[in-house]
Amino acid sequence: MAGYTNAGKSTLFESLVEEETVVKDMLFTTLSPTTRALTKNNRKMLLTDTVGFIEDLPHLMVDAFRSTLDEIFLADVILLVVDMSDPVDVIRQKLVVSMISSGGERRVR
């Protein structure tokens, strides 16, 4: 799972894997990716909660996000999570930042 910081990735992750994680309404609560095995409809998969993206991330901090980027680039499927309580123009901007940060050249489904 990927998306802008504070979009609800950890809350969704916690619900899907039925395991408590740290969930707070603040920037960078998730400091490193967390992966858990999950079985749904007799299909096994790995689900990863990643560090959220942020606009205008200083280049010096890009290395801190390397593990998140590695998880995203190696994924078979990227679930881009957005906070639907944001205004449409804010959602659009956060999606642009998330797509660029996660390697927007990949195909979106």
PDB file of N, CA and C in Angstrom:
ATOM      1  N   MET A   1       0.843  -1.167   0.000  1.00  0.00           N
ATOM      2  CA  MET A   1       0.000   0.000   0.000  1.00  0.00           C
ATOM      3  C   MET A   1       0.886   1.226   0.000  1.00  0.00           C
ATOM      4  N   ALA A   2       0.504   2.191  -0.804  1.00  0.00           N
ATOM      5  CA  ALA A   2       1.259   3.433  -0.892  1.00  0.00           C
ATOM      6  C   ALA A   2       0.280   4.591  -0.873  1.00  0.00           C
ATOM      7  N   GLY A   3       0.799   5.780  -0.639  1.00  0.00           N
ATOM      8  CA  GLY A   3      -0.043   6.965  -0.675  1.00  0.00           C
ATOM      9  C   GLY A   3       0.579   8.091   0.109  1.00  0.00           C
ATOM     10  N   TYR A   4      -0.108   9.201   0.070  1.00  0.00           N
ATOM     11  CA  TYR A   4       0.350  10.389   0.769  1.00  0.00           C
ATOM     12  C   TYR A   4       0.371  10.118   2.263  1.00  0.00           C
ATOM     13  N   THR A   5       1.207  10.828   2.987  1.00  0.00           N
ATOM     14  CA  THR A   5       1.274  10.639   4.420  1.00  0.00           C
ATOM     15  C   THR A   5      -0.078  10.948   5.063  1.00  0.00           C
ATOM     16  N   ASN A   6      -0.447  10.158   6.044  1.00  0.00           N
ATOM     17  CA  ASN A   6      -1.681  10.339   6.811  1.00  0.00           C
ATOM     18  C   ASN A   6      -2.951  10.091   5.992  1.00  0.00           C
ATOM     19  N   ALA A   7      -2.854   9.237   4.960  1.00  0.00           N
ATOM     20  CA  ALA A   7      -4.016   8.930   4.115  1.00  0.00           C
ATOM     21  C   ALA A   7      -4.876   7.808   4.694  1.00  0.00           C
ATOM     22  N   GLY A   8      -4.350   7.058   5.660  1.00  0.00           N
ATOM     23  CA  GLY A   8      -5.100   5.954   6.240  1.00  0.00           C
ATOM     24  C   GLY A   8      -4.542   4.584   5.893  1.00  0.00           C
ATOM     25  N   LYS A   9      -3.315   4.547   5.371  1.00  0.00           N
ATOM     26  CA  LYS A   9      -2.702   3.274   4.989  1.00  0.00           C
ATOM     27  C   LYS A   9      -2.580   2.323   6.174  1.00  0.00           C
ATOM     28  N   SER A  10      -2.103   2.825   7.301  1.00  0.00           N
ATOM     29  CA  SER A  10      -1.915   1.967   8.481  1.00  0.00           C
ATOM     30  C   SER A  10      -3.245   1.491   9.050  1.00  0.00           C
ATOM     31  N   THR A  11      -4.257   2.333   9.010  1.00  0.00           N
ATOM     32  CA  THR A  11      -5.586   1.934   9.483  1.00  0.00           C
ATOM     33  C   THR A  11      -6.145   0.814   8.613  1.00  0.00           C
ATOM     34  N   LEU A  12      -6.018   0.946   7.309  1.00  0.00           N
ATOM     35  CA  LEU A  12      -6.476  -0.096   6.392  1.00  0.00           C
ATOM     36  C   LEU A  12      -5.660  -1.369   6.581  1.00  0.00           C
ATOM     37  N   PHE A  13      -4.358  -1.223   6.691  1.00  0.00           N
ATOM     38  CA  PHE A  13      -3.455  -2.359   6.907  1.00  0.00           C
ATOM     39  C   PHE A  13      -3.868  -3.124   8.158  1.00  0.00           C
ATOM     40  N   GLU A  14      -4.071  -2.390   9.254  1.00  0.00           N
ATOM     41  CA  GLU A  14      -4.461  -2.991  10.531  1.00  0.00           C
ATOM     42  C   GLU A  14      -5.752  -3.784  10.383  1.00  0.00           C
ATOM     43  N   SER A  15      -6.694  -3.252   9.657  1.00  0.00           N
ATOM     44  CA  SER A  15      -7.977  -3.922   9.449  1.00  0.00           C
ATOM     45  C   SER A  15      -7.827  -5.181   8.604  1.00  0.00           C
ATOM     46  N   LEU A  16      -7.026  -5.108   7.564  1.00  0.00           N
ATOM     47  CA  LEU A  16      -6.872  -6.257   6.665  1.00  0.00           C
ATOM     48  C   LEU A  16      -6.086  -7.404   7.279  1.00  0.00           C
ATOM     49  N   VAL A  17      -5.039  -7.084   8.033  1.00  0.00           N
ATOM     50  CA  VAL A  17      -4.213  -8.153   8.608  1.00  0.00           C
ATOM     51  C   VAL A  17      -4.682  -8.559  10.005  1.00  0.00           C
ATOM     52  N   GLU A  18      -5.702  -7.840  10.509  1.00  0.00           N
ATOM     53  CA  GLU A  18      -6.280  -8.130  11.821  1.00  0.00           C
ATOM     54  C   GLU A  18      -5.200  -8.171  12.905  1.00  0.00           C
ATOM     55  N   GLU A  19      -4.389  -7.133  12.887  1.00  0.00           N
ATOM     56  CA  GLU A  19      -3.289  -6.996  13.837  1.00  0.00           C
ATOM     57  C   GLU A  19      -3.132  -5.524  14.171  1.00  0.00           C
ATOM     58  N   GLU A  20      -2.891  -5.214  15.433  1.00  0.00           N
ATOM     59  CA  GLU A  20      -2.726  -3.825  15.819  1.00  0.00           C
ATOM     60  C   GLU A  20      -1.362  -3.292  15.388  1.00  0.00           C
ATOM     61  N   THR A  21      -1.391  -2.080  14.857  1.00  0.00           N
ATOM     62  CA  THR A  21      -0.171  -1.356  14.506  1.00  0.00           C
ATOM     63  C   THR A  21      -0.294   0.040  15.105  1.00  0.00           C
ATOM     64  N   VAL A  22       0.726   0.838  14.954  1.00  0.00           N
ATOM     65  CA  VAL A  22       0.668   2.212  15.456  1.00  0.00           C
ATOM     66  C   VAL A  22      -0.098   3.053  14.446  1.00  0.00           C
ATOM     67  N   VAL A  23      -1.223   3.619  14.897  1.00  0.00           N
ATOM     68  CA  VAL A  23      -2.047   4.467  14.048  1.00  0.00           C
ATOM     69  C   VAL A  23      -2.274   5.777  14.790  1.00  0.00           C
ATOM     70  N   LYS A  24      -1.784   6.876  14.199  1.00  0.00           N
ATOM     71  CA  LYS A  24      -1.957   8.207  14.795  1.00  0.00           C
ATOM     72  C   LYS A  24      -2.249   9.205  13.689  1.00  0.00           C
ATOM     73  N   ASP A  25      -2.940  10.258  14.045  1.00  0.00           N
ATOM     74  CA  ASP A  25      -3.244  11.318  13.097  1.00  0.00           C
ATOM     75  C   ASP A  25      -2.106  12.329  13.106  1.00  0.00           C
ATOM     76  N   MET A  26      -0.948  11.904  12.570  1.00  0.00           N
ATOM     77  CA  MET A  26       0.211  12.787  12.507  1.00  0.00           C
ATOM     78  C   MET A  26       1.161  12.304  11.416  1.00  0.00           C
ATOM     79  N   LEU A  27       2.015  13.195  10.956  1.00  0.00           N
ATOM     80  CA  LEU A  27       2.961  12.859   9.895  1.00  0.00           C
ATOM     81  C   LEU A  27       3.972  11.822  10.367  1.00  0.00           C
ATOM     82  N   PHE A  28       4.299  10.907   9.485  1.00  0.00           N
ATOM     83  CA  PHE A  28       5.366   9.932   9.668  1.00  0.00           C
ATOM     84  C   PHE A  28       5.216   9.061  10.906  1.00  0.00           C
ATOM     85  N   THR A  29       3.980   8.638  11.193  1.00  0.00           N
ATOM     86  CA  THR A  29       3.771   7.661  12.260  1.00  0.00           C
ATOM     87  C   THR A  29       4.434   6.348  11.856  1.00  0.00           C
ATOM     88  N   THR A  30       4.294   5.980  10.579  1.00  0.00           N
ATOM     89  CA  THR A  30       4.971   4.800  10.044  1.00  0.00           C
ATOM     90  C   THR A  30       6.349   5.232   9.574  1.00  0.00           C
ATOM     91  N   LEU A  31       7.385   4.709  10.239  1.00  0.00           N
ATOM     92  CA  LEU A  31       8.751   5.131   9.909  1.00  0.00           C
ATOM     93  C   LEU A  31       9.497   4.139   9.041  1.00  0.00           C
ATOM     94  N   SER A  32       8.966   2.928   8.922  1.00  0.00           N
ATOM     95  CA  SER A  32       9.562   1.928   8.032  1.00  0.00           C
ATOM     96  C   SER A  32       8.445   0.991   7.581  1.00  0.00           C
ATOM     97  N   PRO A  33       8.609   0.383   6.416  1.00  0.00           N
ATOM     98  CA  PRO A  33       7.571  -0.518   5.912  1.00  0.00           C
ATOM     99  C   PRO A  33       7.355  -1.717   6.848  1.00  0.00           C
ATOM    100  N   THR A  34       6.101  -2.139   6.949  1.00  0.00           N
ATOM    101  CA  THR A  34       5.726  -3.317   7.735  1.00  0.00           C
ATOM    102  C   THR A  34       5.016  -4.280   6.801  1.00  0.00           C
ATOM    103  N   THR A  35       5.466  -5.532   6.749  1.00  0.00           N
ATOM    104  CA  THR A  35       4.875  -6.529   5.863  1.00  0.00           C
ATOM    105  C   THR A  35       4.324  -7.687   6.672  1.00  0.00           C
ATOM    106  N   ARG A  36       3.138  -8.143   6.293  1.00  0.00           N
ATOM    107  CA  ARG A  36       2.505  -9.286   6.943  1.00  0.00           C
ATOM    108  C   ARG A  36       1.916 -10.196   5.874  1.00  0.00           C
ATOM    109  N   ALA A  37       1.899 -11.498   6.177  1.00  0.00           N
ATOM    110  CA  ALA A  37       1.251 -12.467   5.294  1.00  0.00           C
ATOM    111  C   ALA A  37      -0.252 -12.370   5.508  1.00  0.00           C
ATOM    112  N   LEU A  38      -0.984 -12.573   4.445  1.00  0.00           N
ATOM    113  CA  LEU A  38      -2.429 -12.444   4.476  1.00  0.00           C
ATOM    114  C   LEU A  38      -3.018 -13.500   3.555  1.00  0.00           C
ATOM    115  N   THR A  39      -4.089 -14.139   3.983  1.00  0.00           N
ATOM    116  CA  THR A  39      -4.786 -15.099   3.128  1.00  0.00           C
ATOM    117  C   THR A  39      -6.229 -14.654   2.980  1.00  0.00           C
ATOM    118  N   LYS A  40      -6.652 -14.413   1.757  1.00  0.00           N
ATOM    119  CA  LYS A  40      -8.027 -14.037   1.436  1.00  0.00           C
ATOM    120  C   LYS A  40      -8.494 -14.893   0.277  1.00  0.00           C
ATOM    121  N   ASN A  41      -9.678 -15.504   0.426  1.00  0.00           N
ATOM    122  CA  ASN A  41     -10.227 -16.357  -0.628  1.00  0.00           C
ATOM    123  C   ASN A  41      -9.235 -17.426  -1.075  1.00  0.00           C
ATOM    124  N   ASN A  42      -8.571 -18.039  -0.088  1.00  0.00           N
ATOM    125  CA  ASN A  42      -7.585 -19.099  -0.328  1.00  0.00           C
ATOM    126  C   ASN A  42      -6.382 -18.645  -1.151  1.00  0.00           C
ATOM    127  N   ARG A  43      -6.130 -17.347  -1.218  1.00  0.00           N
ATOM    128  CA  ARG A  43      -4.963 -16.818  -1.913  1.00  0.00           C
ATOM    129  C   ARG A  43      -4.037 -16.194  -0.891  1.00  0.00           C
ATOM    130  N   LYS A  44      -2.791 -16.605  -0.913  1.00  0.00           N
ATOM    131  CA  LYS A  44      -1.796 -16.062   0.005  1.00  0.00           C
ATOM    132  C   LYS A  44      -1.108 -14.873  -0.652  1.00  0.00           C
ATOM    133  N   MET A  45      -0.861 -13.860   0.161  1.00  0.00           N
ATOM    134  CA  MET A  45      -0.190 -12.663  -0.345  1.00  0.00           C
ATOM    135  C   MET A  45       0.552 -11.985   0.792  1.00  0.00           C
ATOM    136  N   LEU A  46       1.413 -11.085   0.420  1.00  0.00           N
ATOM    137  CA  LEU A  46       2.095 -10.232   1.391  1.00  0.00           C
ATOM    138  C   LEU A  46       1.543  -8.828   1.220  1.00  0.00           C
ATOM    139  N   LEU A  47       1.212  -8.204   2.331  1.00  0.00           N
ATOM    140  CA  LEU A  47       0.696  -6.842   2.321  1.00  0.00           C
ATOM    141  C   LEU A  47       1.686  -5.965   3.080  1.00  0.00           C
ATOM    142  N   THR A  48       2.066  -4.846   2.488  1.00  0.00           N
ATOM    143  CA  THR A  48       3.055  -3.966   3.106  1.00  0.00           C
ATOM    144  C   THR A  48       2.473  -2.575   3.313  1.00  0.00           C
ATOM    145  N   ASP A  49       2.590  -2.109   4.551  1.00  0.00           N
ATOM    146  CA  ASP A  49       2.233  -0.736   4.915  1.00  0.00           C
ATOM    147  C   ASP A  49       3.508   0.078   4.770  1.00  0.00           C
ATOM    148  N   THR A  50       3.455   1.134   3.968  1.00  0.00           N
ATOM    149  CA  THR A  50       4.667   1.904   3.674  1.00  0.00           C
ATOM    150  C   THR A  50       4.618   3.298   4.295  1.00  0.00           C
ATOM    151  N   VAL A  51       5.770   3.928   4.345  1.00  0.00           N
ATOM    152  CA  VAL A  51       5.893   5.313   4.789  1.00  0.00           C
ATOM    153  C   VAL A  51       5.183   6.193   3.764  1.00  0.00           C
ATOM    154  N   GLY A  52       4.428   7.185   4.231  1.00  0.00           N
ATOM    155  CA  GLY A  52       3.686   8.054   3.321  1.00  0.00           C
ATOM    156  C   GLY A  52       4.560   9.053   2.597  1.00  0.00           C
ATOM    157  N   PHE A  53       4.088   9.417   1.419  1.00  0.00           N
ATOM    158  CA  PHE A  53       4.793  10.423   0.627  1.00  0.00           C
ATOM    159  C   PHE A  53       4.410  11.810   1.123  1.00  0.00           C
ATOM    160  N   ILE A  54       5.228  12.777   0.780  1.00  0.00           N
ATOM    161  CA  ILE A  54       4.958  14.170   1.136  1.00  0.00           C
ATOM    162  C   ILE A  54       5.497  15.055   0.023  1.00  0.00           C
ATOM    163  N   GLU A  55       4.781  16.137  -0.241  1.00  0.00           N
ATOM    164  CA  GLU A  55       5.187  17.056  -1.299  1.00  0.00           C
ATOM    165  C   GLU A  55       6.451  17.807  -0.902  1.00  0.00           C
ATOM    166  N   ASP A  56       7.264  18.093  -1.896  1.00  0.00           N
ATOM    167  CA  ASP A  56       8.509  18.853  -1.704  1.00  0.00           C
ATOM    168  C   ASP A  56       9.442  18.202  -0.695  1.00  0.00           C
ATOM    169  N   LEU A  57       9.550  16.893  -0.767  1.00  0.00           N
ATOM    170  CA  LEU A  57      10.466  16.166   0.103  1.00  0.00           C
ATOM    171  C   LEU A  57      11.895  16.608  -0.222  1.00  0.00           C
ATOM    172  N   PRO A  58      12.625  17.082   0.765  1.00  0.00           N
ATOM    173  CA  PRO A  58      14.008  17.491   0.501  1.00  0.00           C
ATOM    174  C   PRO A  58      14.828  16.313  -0.042  1.00  0.00           C
ATOM    175  N   HIS A  59      15.665  16.589  -1.011  1.00  0.00           N
ATOM    176  CA  HIS A  59      16.465  15.530  -1.639  1.00  0.00           C
ATOM    177  C   HIS A  59      17.292  14.758  -0.610  1.00  0.00           C
ATOM    178  N   LEU A  60      17.711  15.435   0.446  1.00  0.00           N
ATOM    179  CA  LEU A  60      18.492  14.756   1.484  1.00  0.00           C
ATOM    180  C   LEU A  60      17.688  13.682   2.210  1.00  0.00           C
ATOM    181  N   MET A  61      16.358  13.791   2.193  1.00  0.00           N
ATOM    182  CA  MET A  61      15.515  12.822   2.882  1.00  0.00           C
ATOM    183  C   MET A  61      15.109  11.649   2.000  1.00  0.00           C
ATOM    184  N   VAL A  62      15.417  11.721   0.726  1.00  0.00           N
ATOM    185  CA  VAL A  62      15.018  10.652  -0.191  1.00  0.00           C
ATOM    186  C   VAL A  62      15.586   9.318   0.262  1.00  0.00           C
ATOM    187  N   ASP A  63      16.812   9.301   0.754  1.00  0.00           N
ATOM    188  CA  ASP A  63      17.401   8.046   1.225  1.00  0.00           C
ATOM    189  C   ASP A  63      16.605   7.445   2.374  1.00  0.00           C
ATOM    190  N   ALA A  64      15.980   8.283   3.189  1.00  0.00           N
ATOM    191  CA  ALA A  64      15.166   7.776   4.291  1.00  0.00           C
ATOM    192  C   ALA A  64      13.943   7.023   3.771  1.00  0.00           C
ATOM    193  N   PHE A  65      13.533   7.317   2.556  1.00  0.00           N
ATOM    194  CA  PHE A  65      12.375   6.659   1.962  1.00  0.00           C
ATOM    195  C   PHE A  65      12.770   5.502   1.047  1.00  0.00           C
ATOM    196  N   ARG A  66      14.042   5.190   1.003  1.00  0.00           N
ATOM    197  CA  ARG A  66      14.527   4.150   0.097  1.00  0.00           C
ATOM    198  C   ARG A  66      13.812   2.819   0.332  1.00  0.00           C
ATOM    199  N   SER A  67      13.592   2.438   1.586  1.00  0.00           N
ATOM    200  CA  SER A  67      12.941   1.148   1.857  1.00  0.00           C
ATOM    201  C   SER A  67      11.510   1.143   1.343  1.00  0.00           C
ATOM    202  N   THR A  68      10.818   2.265   1.468  1.00  0.00           N
ATOM    203  CA  THR A  68       9.458   2.348   0.932  1.00  0.00           C
ATOM    204  C   THR A  68       9.491   2.249  -0.587  1.00  0.00           C
ATOM    205  N   LEU A  69      10.388   2.978  -1.208  1.00  0.00           N
ATOM    206  CA  LEU A  69      10.481   2.925  -2.665  1.00  0.00           C
ATOM    207  C   LEU A  69      10.847   1.535  -3.147  1.00  0.00           C
ATOM    208  N   ASP A  70      11.757   0.861  -2.437  1.00  0.00           N
ATOM    209  CA  ASP A  70      12.117  -0.512  -2.801  1.00  0.00           C
ATOM    210  C   ASP A  70      10.903  -1.429  -2.739  1.00  0.00           C
ATOM    211  N   GLU A  71      10.104  -1.315  -1.676  1.00  0.00           N
ATOM    212  CA  GLU A  71       8.896  -2.137  -1.540  1.00  0.00           C
ATOM    213  C   GLU A  71       7.931  -1.880  -2.696  1.00  0.00           C
ATOM    214  N   ILE A  72       7.769  -0.628  -3.047  1.00  0.00           N
ATOM    215  CA  ILE A  72       6.837  -0.269  -4.115  1.00  0.00           C
ATOM    216  C   ILE A  72       7.330  -0.777  -5.462  1.00  0.00           C
ATOM    217  N   PHE A  73       8.603  -0.600  -5.757  1.00  0.00           N
ATOM    218  CA  PHE A  73       9.131  -1.022  -7.049  1.00  0.00           C
ATOM    219  C   PHE A  73       9.109  -2.534  -7.218  1.00  0.00           C
ATOM    220  N   LEU A  74       9.172  -3.273  -6.108  1.00  0.00           N
ATOM    221  CA  LEU A  74       9.167  -4.732  -6.178  1.00  0.00           C
ATOM    222  C   LEU A  74       7.762  -5.331  -6.130  1.00  0.00           C
ATOM    223  N   ALA A  75       6.767  -4.517  -5.895  1.00  0.00           N
ATOM    224  CA  ALA A  75       5.398  -5.010  -5.730  1.00  0.00           C
ATOM    225  C   ALA A  75       4.786  -5.443  -7.055  1.00  0.00           C
ATOM    226  N   ASP A  76       3.945  -6.459  -6.987  1.00  0.00           N
ATOM    227  CA  ASP A  76       3.159  -6.869  -8.151  1.00  0.00           C
ATOM    228  C   ASP A  76       1.954  -5.951  -8.341  1.00  0.00           C
ATOM    229  N   VAL A  77       1.420  -5.465  -7.223  1.00  0.00           N
ATOM    230  CA  VAL A  77       0.262  -4.573  -7.235  1.00  0.00           C
ATOM    231  C   VAL A  77       0.511  -3.456  -6.234  1.00  0.00           C
ATOM    232  N   ILE A  78       0.196  -2.237  -6.624  1.00  0.00           N
ATOM    233  CA  ILE A  78       0.293  -1.097  -5.718  1.00  0.00           C
ATOM    234  C   ILE A  78      -1.115  -0.589  -5.460  1.00  0.00           C
ATOM    235  N   LEU A  79      -1.517  -0.609  -4.198  1.00  0.00           N
ATOM    236  CA  LEU A  79      -2.800  -0.049  -3.793  1.00  0.00           C
ATOM    237  C   LEU A  79      -2.532   1.367  -3.310  1.00  0.00           C
ATOM    238  N   LEU A  80      -2.980   2.343  -4.077  1.00  0.00           N
ATOM    239  CA  LEU A  80      -2.745   3.739  -3.741  1.00  0.00           C
ATOM    240  C   LEU A  80      -3.916   4.214  -2.887  1.00  0.00           C
ATOM    241  N   VAL A  81      -3.639   4.538  -1.623  1.00  0.00           N
ATOM    242  CA  VAL A  81      -4.668   4.907  -0.651  1.00  0.00           C
ATOM    243  C   VAL A  81      -4.790   6.425  -0.592  1.00  0.00           C
ATOM    244  N   VAL A  82      -6.047   6.916  -0.610  1.00  0.00           N
ATOM    245  CA  VAL A  82      -6.305   8.351  -0.482  1.00  0.00           C
ATOM    246  C   VAL A  82      -7.338   8.585   0.616  1.00  0.00           C
ATOM    247  N   ASP A  83      -7.269   9.753   1.204  1.00  0.00           N
ATOM    248  CA  ASP A  83      -8.224  10.164   2.233  1.00  0.00           C
ATOM    249  C   ASP A  83      -9.370  10.887   1.538  1.00  0.00           C
ATOM    250  N   MET A  84     -10.513  10.224   1.436  1.00  0.00           N
ATOM    251  CA  MET A  84     -11.646  10.789   0.706  1.00  0.00           C
ATOM    252  C   MET A  84     -12.329  11.941   1.438  1.00  0.00           C
ATOM    253  N   SER A  85     -11.892  12.247   2.650  1.00  0.00           N
ATOM    254  CA  SER A  85     -12.462  13.402   3.343  1.00  0.00           C
ATOM    255  C   SER A  85     -11.780  14.701   2.913  1.00  0.00           C
ATOM    256  N   ASP A  86     -10.685  14.594   2.172  1.00  0.00           N
ATOM    257  CA  ASP A  86     -10.011  15.785   1.648  1.00  0.00           C
ATOM    258  C   ASP A  86     -10.825  16.362   0.494  1.00  0.00           C
ATOM    259  N   PRO A  87     -10.728  17.667   0.251  1.00  0.00           N
ATOM    260  CA  PRO A  87     -11.363  18.261  -0.933  1.00  0.00           C
ATOM    261  C   PRO A  87     -10.756  17.649  -2.206  1.00  0.00           C
ATOM    262  N   VAL A  88     -11.548  17.641  -3.269  1.00  0.00           N
ATOM    263  CA  VAL A  88     -11.132  17.004  -4.524  1.00  0.00           C
ATOM    264  C   VAL A  88      -9.805  17.552  -5.043  1.00  0.00           C
ATOM    265  N   ASP A  89      -9.601  18.853  -4.982  1.00  0.00           N
ATOM    266  CA  ASP A  89      -8.346  19.415  -5.493  1.00  0.00           C
ATOM    267  C   ASP A  89      -7.148  18.986  -4.650  1.00  0.00           C
ATOM    268  N   VAL A  90      -7.352  18.791  -3.345  1.00  0.00           N
ATOM    269  CA  VAL A  90      -6.274  18.312  -2.463  1.00  0.00           C
ATOM    270  C   VAL A  90      -5.981  16.842  -2.772  1.00  0.00           C
ATOM    271  N   ILE A  91      -7.024  16.051  -2.971  1.00  0.00           N
ATOM    272  CA  ILE A  91      -6.839  14.641  -3.342  1.00  0.00           C
ATOM    273  C   ILE A  91      -6.047  14.550  -4.645  1.00  0.00           C
ATOM    274  N   ARG A  92      -6.417  15.349  -5.615  1.00  0.00           N
ATOM    275  CA  ARG A  92      -5.735  15.342  -6.916  1.00  0.00           C
ATOM    276  C   ARG A  92      -4.246  15.657  -6.744  1.00  0.00           C
ATOM    277  N   GLN A  93      -3.924  16.678  -5.960  1.00  0.00           N
ATOM    278  CA  GLN A  93      -2.527  17.052  -5.740  1.00  0.00           C
ATOM    279  C   GLN A  93      -1.761  15.944  -5.014  1.00  0.00           C
ATOM    280  N   LYS A  94      -2.383  15.344  -4.010  1.00  0.00           N
ATOM    281  CA  LYS A  94      -1.728  14.258  -3.266  1.00  0.00           C
ATOM    282  C   LYS A  94      -1.523  13.036  -4.158  1.00  0.00           C
ATOM    283  N   LEU A  95      -2.466  12.771  -5.055  1.00  0.00           N
ATOM    284  CA  LEU A  95      -2.299  11.658  -5.990  1.00  0.00           C
ATOM    285  C   LEU A  95      -1.138  11.920  -6.939  1.00  0.00           C
ATOM    286  N   VAL A  96      -1.015  13.135  -7.408  1.00  0.00           N
ATOM    287  CA  VAL A  96       0.105  13.483  -8.295  1.00  0.00           C
ATOM    288  C   VAL A  96       1.423  13.264  -7.571  1.00  0.00           C
ATOM    289  N   VAL A  97       1.530  13.762  -6.353  1.00  0.00           N
ATOM    290  CA  VAL A  97       2.763  13.590  -5.572  1.00  0.00           C
ATOM    291  C   VAL A  97       3.036  12.105  -5.357  1.00  0.00           C
ATOM    292  N   SER A  98       2.003  11.337  -5.003  1.00  0.00           N
ATOM    293  CA  SER A  98       2.173   9.902  -4.755  1.00  0.00           C
ATOM    294  C   SER A  98       2.591   9.155  -6.005  1.00  0.00           C
ATOM    295  N   MET A  99       1.984   9.508  -7.142  1.00  0.00           N
ATOM    296  CA  MET A  99       2.320   8.828  -8.401  1.00  0.00           C
ATOM    297  C   MET A  99       3.758   9.133  -8.807  1.00  0.00           C
ATOM    298  N   ILE A 100       4.162  10.370  -8.702  1.00  0.00           N
ATOM    299  CA  ILE A 100       5.540  10.745  -9.064  1.00  0.00           C
ATOM    300  C   ILE A 100       6.524  10.057  -8.118  1.00  0.00           C
ATOM    301  N   SER A 101       6.221  10.078  -6.821  1.00  0.00           N
ATOM    302  CA  SER A 101       7.123   9.500  -5.823  1.00  0.00           C
ATOM    303  C   SER A 101       7.249   7.989  -5.966  1.00  0.00           C
ATOM    304  N   SER A 102       6.161   7.348  -6.400  1.00  0.00           N
ATOM    305  CA  SER A 102       6.173   5.889  -6.466  1.00  0.00           C
ATOM    306  C   SER A 102       6.576   5.365  -7.836  1.00  0.00           C
ATOM    307  N   GLY A 103       7.007   6.213  -8.727  1.00  0.00           N
ATOM    308  CA  GLY A 103       7.424   5.767 -10.049  1.00  0.00           C
ATOM    309  C   GLY A 103       6.247   5.774 -10.990  1.00  0.00           C
ATOM    310  N   GLY A 104       5.663   6.917 -11.197  1.00  0.00           N
ATOM    311  CA  GLY A 104       4.428   7.082 -11.948  1.00  0.00           C
ATOM    312  C   GLY A 104       4.413   6.479 -13.332  1.00  0.00           C
ATOM    313  N   GLU A 105       5.551   6.023 -13.832  1.00  0.00           N
ATOM    314  CA  GLU A 105       5.550   5.416 -15.151  1.00  0.00           C
ATOM    315  C   GLU A 105       4.926   4.030 -15.146  1.00  0.00           C
ATOM    316  N   ARG A 106       4.740   3.465 -13.927  1.00  0.00           N
ATOM    317  CA  ARG A 106       4.090   2.150 -13.839  1.00  0.00           C
ATOM    318  C   ARG A 106       2.632   2.289 -14.177  1.00  0.00           C
ATOM    319  N   ARG A 107       2.056   1.244 -14.661  1.00  0.00           N
ATOM    320  CA  ARG A 107       0.667   1.242 -15.082  1.00  0.00           C
ATOM    321  C   ARG A 107      -0.266   1.271 -13.880  1.00  0.00           C
ATOM    322  N   VAL A 108      -1.267   2.105 -13.914  1.00  0.00           N
ATOM    323  CA  VAL A 108      -2.240   2.231 -12.840  1.00  0.00           C
ATOM    324  C   VAL A 108      -3.490   1.462 -13.214  1.00  0.00           C
ATOM    325  N   ARG A 109      -4.047   0.705 -12.253  1.00  0.00           N
ATOM    326  CA  ARG A 109      -5.291  -0.052 -12.481  1.00  0.00           C
ATOM    327  C   ARG A 109      -6.314   0.358 -11.462  1.00  0.00           C
TER     328      ARG A 109
END
